[in-house]
N, C-alpha and C. Protein backbone atom coordinates (compact mmCIF):
# COMPACT_ATOMS: atom_id res chain seq x y z
N MET A 1 116.45 113.04 81.77
CA MET A 1 117.13 112.42 82.89
C MET A 1 117.21 113.43 84.04
N HIS A 2 116.91 112.96 85.22
CA HIS A 2 116.94 113.79 86.42
C HIS A 2 118.33 113.71 87.05
N ALA A 3 118.74 114.77 87.70
CA ALA A 3 120.08 114.83 88.31
C ALA A 3 120.31 113.73 89.35
N TYR A 4 119.25 113.29 90.01
CA TYR A 4 119.41 112.29 91.08
C TYR A 4 119.32 110.85 90.58
N ASP A 5 119.09 110.66 89.28
CA ASP A 5 118.98 109.31 88.74
C ASP A 5 120.26 108.50 88.96
N ILE A 6 121.37 109.17 89.15
CA ILE A 6 122.63 108.46 89.39
C ILE A 6 122.61 107.71 90.73
N PHE A 7 121.70 108.08 91.62
CA PHE A 7 121.59 107.43 92.93
C PHE A 7 120.63 106.25 92.95
N PHE A 8 119.87 106.05 91.87
CA PHE A 8 118.79 105.07 91.88
C PHE A 8 119.24 103.69 92.34
N GLU A 9 120.28 103.15 91.73
CA GLU A 9 120.73 101.80 92.08
C GLU A 9 121.21 101.72 93.52
N GLU A 10 121.84 102.77 94.00
CA GLU A 10 122.35 102.76 95.36
C GLU A 10 121.25 102.78 96.42
N VAL A 11 120.10 103.36 96.08
CA VAL A 11 119.02 103.46 97.06
C VAL A 11 117.93 102.41 96.85
N GLU A 12 118.16 101.44 95.97
CA GLU A 12 117.17 100.39 95.77
C GLU A 12 116.78 99.68 97.06
N PRO A 13 117.72 99.41 97.98
CA PRO A 13 117.30 98.79 99.25
C PRO A 13 116.31 99.66 100.04
N ALA A 14 116.51 100.96 100.04
CA ALA A 14 115.57 101.86 100.73
C ALA A 14 114.23 101.86 100.02
N LEU A 15 114.24 101.83 98.70
CA LEU A 15 112.98 101.76 97.94
C LEU A 15 112.24 100.47 98.26
N ASP A 16 112.99 99.37 98.39
CA ASP A 16 112.37 98.08 98.73
C ASP A 16 111.74 98.10 100.11
N VAL A 17 112.38 98.76 101.05
CA VAL A 17 111.82 98.90 102.40
C VAL A 17 110.50 99.67 102.33
N LYS A 18 110.48 100.73 101.54
CA LYS A 18 109.26 101.53 101.41
C LYS A 18 108.17 100.72 100.71
N ILE A 19 108.53 99.94 99.71
CA ILE A 19 107.56 99.08 99.02
C ILE A 19 106.97 98.07 99.99
N ASP A 20 107.80 97.51 100.86
CA ASP A 20 107.30 96.58 101.88
C ASP A 20 106.28 97.25 102.79
N GLU A 21 106.52 98.52 103.13
CA GLU A 21 105.57 99.27 103.96
C GLU A 21 104.24 99.42 103.22
N PHE A 22 104.30 99.74 101.94
CA PHE A 22 103.08 99.87 101.14
C PHE A 22 102.33 98.54 101.11
N ARG A 23 103.05 97.46 100.90
CA ARG A 23 102.41 96.14 100.85
C ARG A 23 101.77 95.78 102.19
N PHE A 24 102.42 96.11 103.26
CA PHE A 24 101.88 95.86 104.59
C PHE A 24 100.55 96.59 104.77
N LEU A 25 100.43 97.74 104.15
CA LEU A 25 99.20 98.54 104.25
C LEU A 25 98.18 98.20 103.17
N GLY A 26 98.49 97.19 102.35
CA GLY A 26 97.52 96.71 101.37
C GLY A 26 97.70 97.23 99.95
N TYR A 27 98.75 98.00 99.70
CA TYR A 27 99.02 98.50 98.36
C TYR A 27 100.07 97.60 97.71
N GLU A 28 99.59 96.60 96.99
CA GLU A 28 100.44 95.53 96.47
C GLU A 28 101.21 95.88 95.20
N HIS A 29 100.78 96.87 94.46
CA HIS A 29 101.32 97.06 93.12
C HIS A 29 102.21 98.29 92.96
N VAL A 30 102.75 98.78 94.03
CA VAL A 30 103.66 99.93 93.97
C VAL A 30 105.04 99.43 93.58
N THR A 31 105.69 100.14 92.66
CA THR A 31 107.01 99.73 92.18
C THR A 31 108.08 100.76 92.56
N ARG A 32 109.31 100.33 92.43
CA ARG A 32 110.44 101.25 92.67
C ARG A 32 110.35 102.45 91.73
N ALA A 33 110.07 102.15 90.46
CA ALA A 33 110.01 103.22 89.45
C ALA A 33 108.93 104.24 89.78
N GLN A 34 107.80 103.78 90.27
CA GLN A 34 106.72 104.70 90.64
C GLN A 34 107.13 105.59 91.79
N LEU A 35 107.77 105.02 92.80
CA LEU A 35 108.22 105.82 93.94
C LEU A 35 109.27 106.83 93.49
N TRP A 36 110.17 106.40 92.63
CA TRP A 36 111.23 107.28 92.14
C TRP A 36 110.64 108.44 91.34
N GLU A 37 109.69 108.15 90.47
CA GLU A 37 109.03 109.20 89.69
C GLU A 37 108.30 110.19 90.60
N TYR A 38 107.64 109.65 91.62
CA TYR A 38 106.95 110.51 92.60
C TYR A 38 107.94 111.50 93.22
N LEU A 39 109.07 110.98 93.66
CA LEU A 39 110.07 111.85 94.29
C LEU A 39 110.59 112.89 93.31
N LYS A 40 110.85 112.47 92.08
CA LYS A 40 111.38 113.41 91.08
C LYS A 40 110.38 114.51 90.77
N LYS A 41 109.11 114.18 90.71
CA LYS A 41 108.10 115.18 90.34
C LYS A 41 107.62 116.02 91.51
N LYS A 42 107.63 115.48 92.72
CA LYS A 42 107.09 116.19 93.87
C LYS A 42 108.17 116.75 94.80
N LYS A 43 109.08 115.93 95.21
CA LYS A 43 110.07 116.33 96.22
C LYS A 43 111.29 117.00 95.59
N TRP A 44 111.68 116.49 94.43
CA TRP A 44 112.93 116.95 93.82
C TRP A 44 112.70 117.77 92.55
N LYS A 45 111.71 118.60 92.53
CA LYS A 45 111.44 119.42 91.34
C LYS A 45 112.67 120.25 90.98
N THR A 46 113.30 120.79 91.99
CA THR A 46 114.52 121.58 91.79
C THR A 46 115.67 120.88 92.50
N PRO A 47 116.46 120.10 91.76
CA PRO A 47 117.56 119.37 92.39
C PRO A 47 118.61 120.29 92.99
N LYS A 48 119.13 119.87 94.14
CA LYS A 48 120.24 120.60 94.76
C LYS A 48 121.54 120.12 94.14
N SER A 49 122.47 121.00 93.99
CA SER A 49 123.75 120.63 93.35
C SER A 49 124.64 119.80 94.28
N THR A 50 124.41 119.90 95.58
CA THR A 50 125.28 119.21 96.53
C THR A 50 124.51 118.20 97.37
N ILE A 51 123.60 117.47 96.77
CA ILE A 51 122.83 116.47 97.51
C ILE A 51 123.75 115.31 97.90
N ARG A 52 123.49 114.73 99.05
CA ARG A 52 124.29 113.59 99.50
C ARG A 52 123.40 112.36 99.57
N LEU A 53 124.02 111.21 99.51
CA LEU A 53 123.29 109.95 99.44
C LEU A 53 122.33 109.79 100.62
N PHE A 54 122.74 110.14 101.81
CA PHE A 54 121.87 109.97 102.97
C PHE A 54 120.60 110.82 102.85
N GLU A 55 120.70 111.96 102.17
CA GLU A 55 119.52 112.81 101.97
C GLU A 55 118.53 112.15 101.02
N ILE A 56 119.05 111.49 100.01
CA ILE A 56 118.20 110.77 99.06
C ILE A 56 117.48 109.64 99.80
N VAL A 57 118.22 108.87 100.59
CA VAL A 57 117.63 107.77 101.36
C VAL A 57 116.59 108.31 102.33
N GLU A 58 116.88 109.40 102.97
CA GLU A 58 115.94 110.03 103.90
C GLU A 58 114.63 110.39 103.18
N ASP A 59 114.75 110.95 101.99
CA ASP A 59 113.56 111.30 101.21
C ASP A 59 112.75 110.06 100.83
N VAL A 60 113.45 109.00 100.44
CA VAL A 60 112.76 107.75 100.08
C VAL A 60 112.00 107.21 101.28
N LEU A 61 112.67 107.11 102.40
CA LEU A 61 112.03 106.54 103.59
C LEU A 61 110.97 107.47 104.18
N GLY A 62 111.02 108.74 103.81
CA GLY A 62 110.05 109.70 104.32
C GLY A 62 108.77 109.82 103.50
N ILE A 63 108.66 109.03 102.43
CA ILE A 63 107.45 109.09 101.61
C ILE A 63 106.26 108.66 102.47
N LYS A 64 105.24 109.49 102.47
CA LYS A 64 104.01 109.17 103.20
C LYS A 64 103.05 108.47 102.25
N VAL A 65 102.50 107.36 102.69
CA VAL A 65 101.64 106.54 101.86
C VAL A 65 100.47 107.36 101.31
N GLY A 66 99.81 108.12 102.16
CA GLY A 66 98.66 108.91 101.74
C GLY A 66 99.01 109.92 100.66
N GLU A 67 100.16 110.58 100.80
CA GLU A 67 100.58 111.57 99.81
C GLU A 67 100.87 110.91 98.47
N PHE A 68 101.51 109.73 98.52
CA PHE A 68 101.82 109.01 97.29
C PHE A 68 100.53 108.57 96.59
N ILE A 69 99.58 108.05 97.35
CA ILE A 69 98.32 107.59 96.77
C ILE A 69 97.56 108.78 96.17
N ASN A 70 97.54 109.91 96.85
CA ASN A 70 96.90 111.11 96.29
C ASN A 70 97.57 111.52 94.98
N TYR A 71 98.89 111.49 94.97
CA TYR A 71 99.64 111.84 93.76
C TYR A 71 99.28 110.91 92.60
N THR A 72 99.28 109.60 92.85
CA THR A 72 98.99 108.66 91.76
C THR A 72 97.54 108.80 91.28
N THR A 73 96.63 109.13 92.18
CA THR A 73 95.24 109.34 91.79
C THR A 73 95.12 110.55 90.87
N VAL A 74 95.75 111.64 91.23
CA VAL A 74 95.72 112.84 90.41
C VAL A 74 96.39 112.58 89.05
N GLU A 75 97.52 111.89 89.07
CA GLU A 75 98.20 111.56 87.82
C GLU A 75 97.32 110.72 86.91
N ALA A 76 96.60 109.78 87.49
CA ALA A 76 95.71 108.92 86.71
C ALA A 76 94.60 109.75 86.07
N TYR A 77 94.04 110.69 86.82
CA TYR A 77 93.01 111.56 86.26
C TYR A 77 93.57 112.44 85.15
N MET A 78 94.77 112.93 85.33
CA MET A 78 95.38 113.80 84.33
C MET A 78 95.71 113.03 83.05
N ASP A 79 96.04 111.75 83.18
CA ASP A 79 96.39 110.94 82.02
C ASP A 79 95.16 110.46 81.26
N THR A 80 93.99 110.54 81.87
CA THR A 80 92.77 110.06 81.26
C THR A 80 92.21 111.12 80.33
N GLU A 81 91.87 110.68 79.14
CA GLU A 81 91.21 111.60 78.21
C GLU A 81 89.72 111.54 78.49
N PHE A 82 89.23 112.59 79.14
CA PHE A 82 87.84 112.64 79.55
C PHE A 82 87.27 113.97 79.13
N SER A 83 86.10 113.93 78.53
CA SER A 83 85.48 115.16 78.07
C SER A 83 83.99 115.11 78.30
N LEU A 84 83.44 116.17 78.82
CA LEU A 84 81.99 116.24 79.00
C LEU A 84 81.29 116.44 77.66
N GLU A 85 82.03 116.74 76.63
CA GLU A 85 81.48 116.89 75.29
C GLU A 85 81.20 115.52 74.66
N ASN A 86 81.88 114.50 75.13
CA ASN A 86 81.75 113.16 74.58
C ASN A 86 80.58 112.45 75.28
N ALA A 87 79.64 111.93 74.50
CA ALA A 87 78.45 111.28 75.07
C ALA A 87 78.81 110.04 75.88
N GLU A 88 79.79 109.28 75.42
CA GLU A 88 80.20 108.07 76.15
C GLU A 88 80.81 108.44 77.50
N ASP A 89 81.62 109.45 77.53
CA ASP A 89 82.23 109.92 78.78
C ASP A 89 81.14 110.41 79.75
N MET A 90 80.15 111.09 79.22
CA MET A 90 79.05 111.59 80.05
C MET A 90 78.27 110.41 80.66
N LYS A 91 78.02 109.37 79.88
CA LYS A 91 77.33 108.19 80.38
C LYS A 91 78.16 107.53 81.48
N GLU A 92 79.45 107.45 81.28
CA GLU A 92 80.35 106.83 82.27
C GLU A 92 80.32 107.61 83.58
N LEU A 93 80.30 108.91 83.48
CA LEU A 93 80.25 109.76 84.66
C LEU A 93 78.95 109.58 85.44
N LEU A 94 77.87 109.37 84.74
CA LEU A 94 76.56 109.26 85.39
C LEU A 94 76.26 107.87 85.95
N LYS A 95 77.12 106.92 85.74
CA LYS A 95 76.90 105.56 86.27
C LYS A 95 76.97 105.56 87.77
């Protein structure tokens, strides 16, 4: 559990605004949970002990679409079990 998880429900409206921005730009499948995880892993690696609600909202609304998409792309690659030693993986790469 992350220190800022206590704010999640309170900032859901801000997350929804950000999701609407993503949808407007053509990214239909972004969720609140994905945005929250992004913030926890990238922006809030080291939580501040005296964070205030407006700072959390500011961080949510400040998410840049390009940075989030880059993050999710890298995460997807990291989650994929891919090996050049595997013949099937090598064939997939060469397609």
